[in-house]
Amino acid sequence: MNFDVPEDLRYLDTHEWVRVTDGTARIGISDFAQDELGDVVFVDLPEEGEQLAAGDDFGVVESIKAVSDIYTPVSGTVSAVNDAVEGEPELLNDDPYGDGWLVEVELADESELDALLSPDEYADQTA
């Protein structure tokens, strides 16, 4: 099965994505991850103002199949939390790269992006 791997994102090998716009990193889980999880029934996210370090777990996604930690691809301060996914966790299944985003982080060190997988590398990993 082919999964959607947008070209404007960078990826962790644990299936999280990041899109950086003007120093703000929006983070979510990939199309592959939501497919592997199955129907998402619960999402637990951090509070605004929390400090995250690249590689730290910052939340939990629970599905009918599994409970999975969510890891941050970059370091920074949580500046926004997508409350919609906490109320409607199925957004992660329906639109993982759009309405199903999880948090936004004020990016502490843009060079951390260099350590992440490119779209091609991530597509190869999930093939």
Foldseek 3Di string as FASTA:
>chain_A
DAFDQDQQWFAALVAKIWHDDPQKIWIFGGLLVCVVQDQWDAKFAADFFDWAAAQDFGIWTHGPRGIDTHGHLATATWHFALVVCRVVVRCCNVPGPPSVIGTMGRGDDPCSSVVTHGSVRSSVSSD
